[in-house]
C-alpha atoms as a PDB file:
ATOM      1  CA  UNK A   1    -129.153 182.990 -22.544  1.00  0.00           C
ATOM      2  CA  UNK A   2    -130.339 182.255 -19.072  1.00  0.00           C
ATOM      3  CA  UNK A   3    -127.904 181.214 -16.274  1.00  0.00           C
ATOM      4  CA  UNK A   4    -129.548 177.759 -16.157  1.00  0.00           C
ATOM      5  CA  UNK A   5    -128.961 177.240 -19.919  1.00  0.00           C
ATOM      6  CA  UNK A   6    -125.451 178.606 -19.806  1.00  0.00           C
ATOM      7  CA  UNK A   7    -124.587 176.339 -16.838  1.00  0.00           C
ATOM      8  CA  UNK A   8    -126.140 173.169 -18.381  1.00  0.00           C
ATOM      9  CA  UNK A   9    -124.009 173.811 -21.457  1.00  0.00           C
ATOM     10  CA  UNK A  10    -121.005 174.728 -19.332  1.00  0.00           C
ATOM     11  CA  UNK A  11    -121.197 171.539 -17.052  1.00  0.00           C
ATOM     12  CA  UNK A  12    -121.518 169.243 -20.132  1.00  0.00           C
ATOM     13  CA  UNK A  13    -118.399 170.991 -21.934  1.00  0.00           C
ATOM     14  CA  UNK A  14    -116.366 170.925 -18.811  1.00  0.00           C
ATOM     15  CA  UNK A  15    -117.212 167.175 -17.969  1.00  0.00           C
ATOM     16  CA  UNK A  16    -117.939 165.587 -21.271  1.00  0.00           C
ATOM     17  CA  UNK A  17    -119.728 162.272 -21.232  1.00  0.00           C
ATOM     18  CA  UNK A  18    -117.097 160.916 -24.019  1.00  0.00           C
ATOM     19  CA  UNK A  19    -114.136 161.428 -21.605  1.00  0.00           C
ATOM     20  CA  UNK A  20    -115.941 159.799 -18.566  1.00  0.00           C
ATOM     21  CA  UNK A  21    -117.708 156.923 -20.302  1.00  0.00           C
ATOM     22  CA  UNK A  22    -121.185 157.697 -19.109  1.00  0.00           C
ATOM     23  CA  UNK A  23    -123.556 160.697 -17.989  1.00  0.00           C
ATOM     24  CA  UNK A  24    -123.522 159.359 -14.491  1.00  0.00           C
ATOM     25  CA  UNK A  25    -119.585 159.247 -14.357  1.00  0.00           C
ATOM     26  CA  UNK A  26    -119.368 162.740 -15.701  1.00  0.00           C
ATOM     27  CA  UNK A  27    -121.937 164.059 -13.218  1.00  0.00           C
ATOM     28  CA  UNK A  28    -119.862 162.397 -10.395  1.00  0.00           C
ATOM     29  CA  UNK A  29    -116.668 164.103 -11.535  1.00  0.00           C
ATOM     30  CA  UNK A  30    -118.630 167.430 -11.869  1.00  0.00           C
ATOM     31  CA  UNK A  31    -119.844 166.924  -8.243  1.00  0.00           C
ATOM     32  CA  UNK A  32    -116.241 166.273  -6.954  1.00  0.00           C
ATOM     33  CA  UNK A  33    -115.038 169.328  -8.738  1.00  0.00           C
ATOM     34  CA  UNK A  34    -117.833 171.629  -7.667  1.00  0.00           C
ATOM     35  CA  UNK A  35    -118.030 170.632  -4.019  1.00  0.00           C
ATOM     36  CA  UNK A  36    -114.320 171.715  -3.695  1.00  0.00           C
ATOM     37  CA  UNK A  37    -115.005 174.915  -5.425  1.00  0.00           C
ATOM     38  CA  UNK A  38    -118.130 176.210  -3.795  1.00  0.00           C
ATOM     39  CA  UNK A  39    -118.755 177.022  -0.101  1.00  0.00           C
ATOM     40  CA  UNK A  40    -122.331 175.813  -0.073  1.00  0.00           C
ATOM     41  CA  UNK A  41    -122.917 172.159   0.438  1.00  0.00           C
ATOM     42  CA  UNK A  42    -123.026 170.642  -3.141  1.00  0.00           C
ATOM     43  CA  UNK A  43    -125.020 167.382  -3.860  1.00  0.00           C
ATOM     44  CA  UNK A  44    -125.044 165.104  -6.588  1.00  0.00           C
ATOM     45  CA  UNK A  45    -128.775 165.740  -7.030  1.00  0.00           C
ATOM     46  CA  UNK A  46    -127.941 169.433  -7.474  1.00  0.00           C
ATOM     47  CA  UNK A  47    -125.313 168.692 -10.197  1.00  0.00           C
ATOM     48  CA  UNK A  48    -127.917 166.367 -11.852  1.00  0.00           C
ATOM     49  CA  UNK A  49    -130.500 169.308 -11.894  1.00  0.00           C
ATOM     50  CA  UNK A  50    -127.770 171.698 -13.396  1.00  0.00           C
ATOM     51  CA  UNK A  51    -126.902 168.939 -16.012  1.00  0.00           C
ATOM     52  CA  UNK A  52    -130.389 168.419 -16.970  1.00  0.00           C
ATOM     53  CA  UNK A  53    -131.287 172.129 -17.043  1.00  0.00           C
ATOM     54  CA  UNK A  54    -133.807 171.672 -14.359  1.00  0.00           C
ATOM     55  CA  UNK A  55    -132.274 173.918 -11.698  1.00  0.00           C
ATOM     56  CA  UNK A  56    -134.491 176.681 -10.642  1.00  0.00           C
ATOM     57  CA  UNK A  57    -131.799 179.002  -9.956  1.00  0.00           C
ATOM     58  CA  UNK A  58    -127.911 179.179 -10.369  1.00  0.00           C
ATOM     59  CA  UNK A  59    -125.737 180.731  -7.621  1.00  0.00           C
ATOM     60  CA  UNK A  60    -123.005 183.010  -8.786  1.00  0.00           C
ATOM     61  CA  UNK A  61    -120.300 180.817  -7.192  1.00  0.00           C
ATOM     62  CA  UNK A  62    -121.740 177.794  -9.147  1.00  0.00           C
ATOM     63  CA  UNK A  63    -121.436 179.776 -12.401  1.00  0.00           C
ATOM     64  CA  UNK A  64    -117.901 180.878 -11.613  1.00  0.00           C
ATOM     65  CA  UNK A  65    -116.806 177.424 -10.616  1.00  0.00           C
ATOM     66  CA  UNK A  66    -118.263 175.991 -13.951  1.00  0.00           C
ATOM     67  CA  UNK A  67    -116.333 178.624 -15.804  1.00  0.00           C
ATOM     68  CA  UNK A  68    -113.063 177.661 -14.080  1.00  0.00           C
ATOM     69  CA  UNK A  69    -113.969 173.941 -14.983  1.00  0.00           C
ATOM     70  CA  UNK A  70    -114.427 174.822 -18.642  1.00  0.00           C
ATOM     71  CA  UNK A  71    -110.979 176.534 -18.615  1.00  0.00           C
ATOM     72  CA  UNK A  72    -109.313 173.581 -17.107  1.00  0.00           C
ATOM     73  CA  UNK A  73    -110.953 171.247 -19.465  1.00  0.00           C
ATOM     74  CA  UNK A  74    -109.821 173.335 -22.525  1.00  0.00           C
ATOM     75  CA  UNK A  75    -106.211 173.378 -21.088  1.00  0.00           C
ATOM     76  CA  UNK A  76    -106.312 169.544 -20.691  1.00  0.00           C
ATOM     77  CA  UNK A  77    -107.668 169.140 -24.105  1.00  0.00           C
ATOM     78  CA  UNK A  78    -105.010 171.467 -25.624  1.00  0.00           C
ATOM     79  CA  UNK A  79    -102.206 169.401 -23.728  1.00  0.00           C
ATOM     80  CA  UNK A  80    -103.620 166.347 -25.288  1.00  0.00           C
ATOM     81  CA  UNK A  81    -103.733 167.801 -28.657  1.00  0.00           C
ATOM     82  CA  UNK A  82    -100.151 169.007 -28.345  1.00  0.00           C
ATOM     83  CA  UNK A  83     -99.004 165.512 -27.263  1.00  0.00           C
ATOM     84  CA  UNK A  84    -100.903 163.911 -30.247  1.00  0.00           C
ATOM     85  CA  UNK A  85     -99.300 166.220 -32.728  1.00  0.00           C
ATOM     86  CA  UNK A  86     -95.945 165.548 -31.264  1.00  0.00           C
ATOM     87  CA  UNK A  87     -96.626 161.886 -31.712  1.00  0.00           C
ATOM     88  CA  UNK A  88     -97.712 162.355 -35.236  1.00  0.00           C
ATOM     89  CA  UNK A  89     -94.667 164.390 -36.138  1.00  0.00           C
ATOM     90  CA  UNK A  90     -92.439 161.755 -34.743  1.00  0.00           C
ATOM     91  CA  UNK A  91     -94.257 159.038 -36.778  1.00  0.00           C
ATOM     92  CA  UNK A  92     -94.106 161.137 -39.921  1.00  0.00           C
ATOM     93  CA  UNK A  93     -90.373 161.684 -39.529  1.00  0.00           C
ATOM     94  CA  UNK A  94     -89.695 158.020 -39.008  1.00  0.00           C
ATOM     95  CA  UNK A  95     -91.831 157.322 -42.143  1.00  0.00           C
ATOM     96  CA  UNK A  96     -89.987 159.850 -44.032  1.00  0.00           C
ATOM     97  CA  UNK A  97     -86.756 158.615 -42.998  1.00  0.00           C
ATOM     98  CA  UNK A  98     -87.534 155.035 -43.902  1.00  0.00           C
ATOM     99  CA  UNK A  99     -88.965 156.130 -47.347  1.00  0.00           C
ATOM    100  CA  UNK A 100     -85.727 158.106 -47.966  1.00  0.00           C
ATOM    101  CA  UNK A 101     -83.738 154.911 -47.136  1.00  0.00           C
ATOM    102  CA  UNK A 102     -85.675 152.767 -49.593  1.00  0.00           C
ATOM    103  CA  UNK A 103     -85.238 155.517 -52.437  1.00  0.00           C
ATOM    104  CA  UNK A 104     -81.425 155.576 -51.925  1.00  0.00           C
ATOM    105  CA  UNK A 105     -80.798 151.907 -51.894  1.00  0.00           C
ATOM    106  CA  UNK A 106     -79.588 150.222 -55.085  1.00  0.00           C
ATOM    107  CA  UNK A 107     -82.106 147.251 -55.975  1.00  0.00           C
ATOM    108  CA  UNK A 108     -80.092 146.359 -59.105  1.00  0.00           C
ATOM    109  CA  UNK A 109     -79.333 142.688 -60.278  1.00  0.00           C
END
């Protein structure tokens, strides 16, 4: 896999459209992240070229920054999943307790 292809996939994984609502918003977030991570001047046009797989070359620092972004996104997603699992466990515990309360009640005449 070429660096251009790798980085196109990496930027889309690290800044998913589904999280940011649109491709443009995801690209802006990627731009804001990358400009803080690389020493060279990063432009939105450069980010768009990486996103679309049209960049002619990929600098090592860009590739490294995108690896870090993927790691951050994975950690954030893992944290969200843990919170969601915790919420589901609480919901199920409440439903189990409620169901146990109905089974134990006497509904006789």
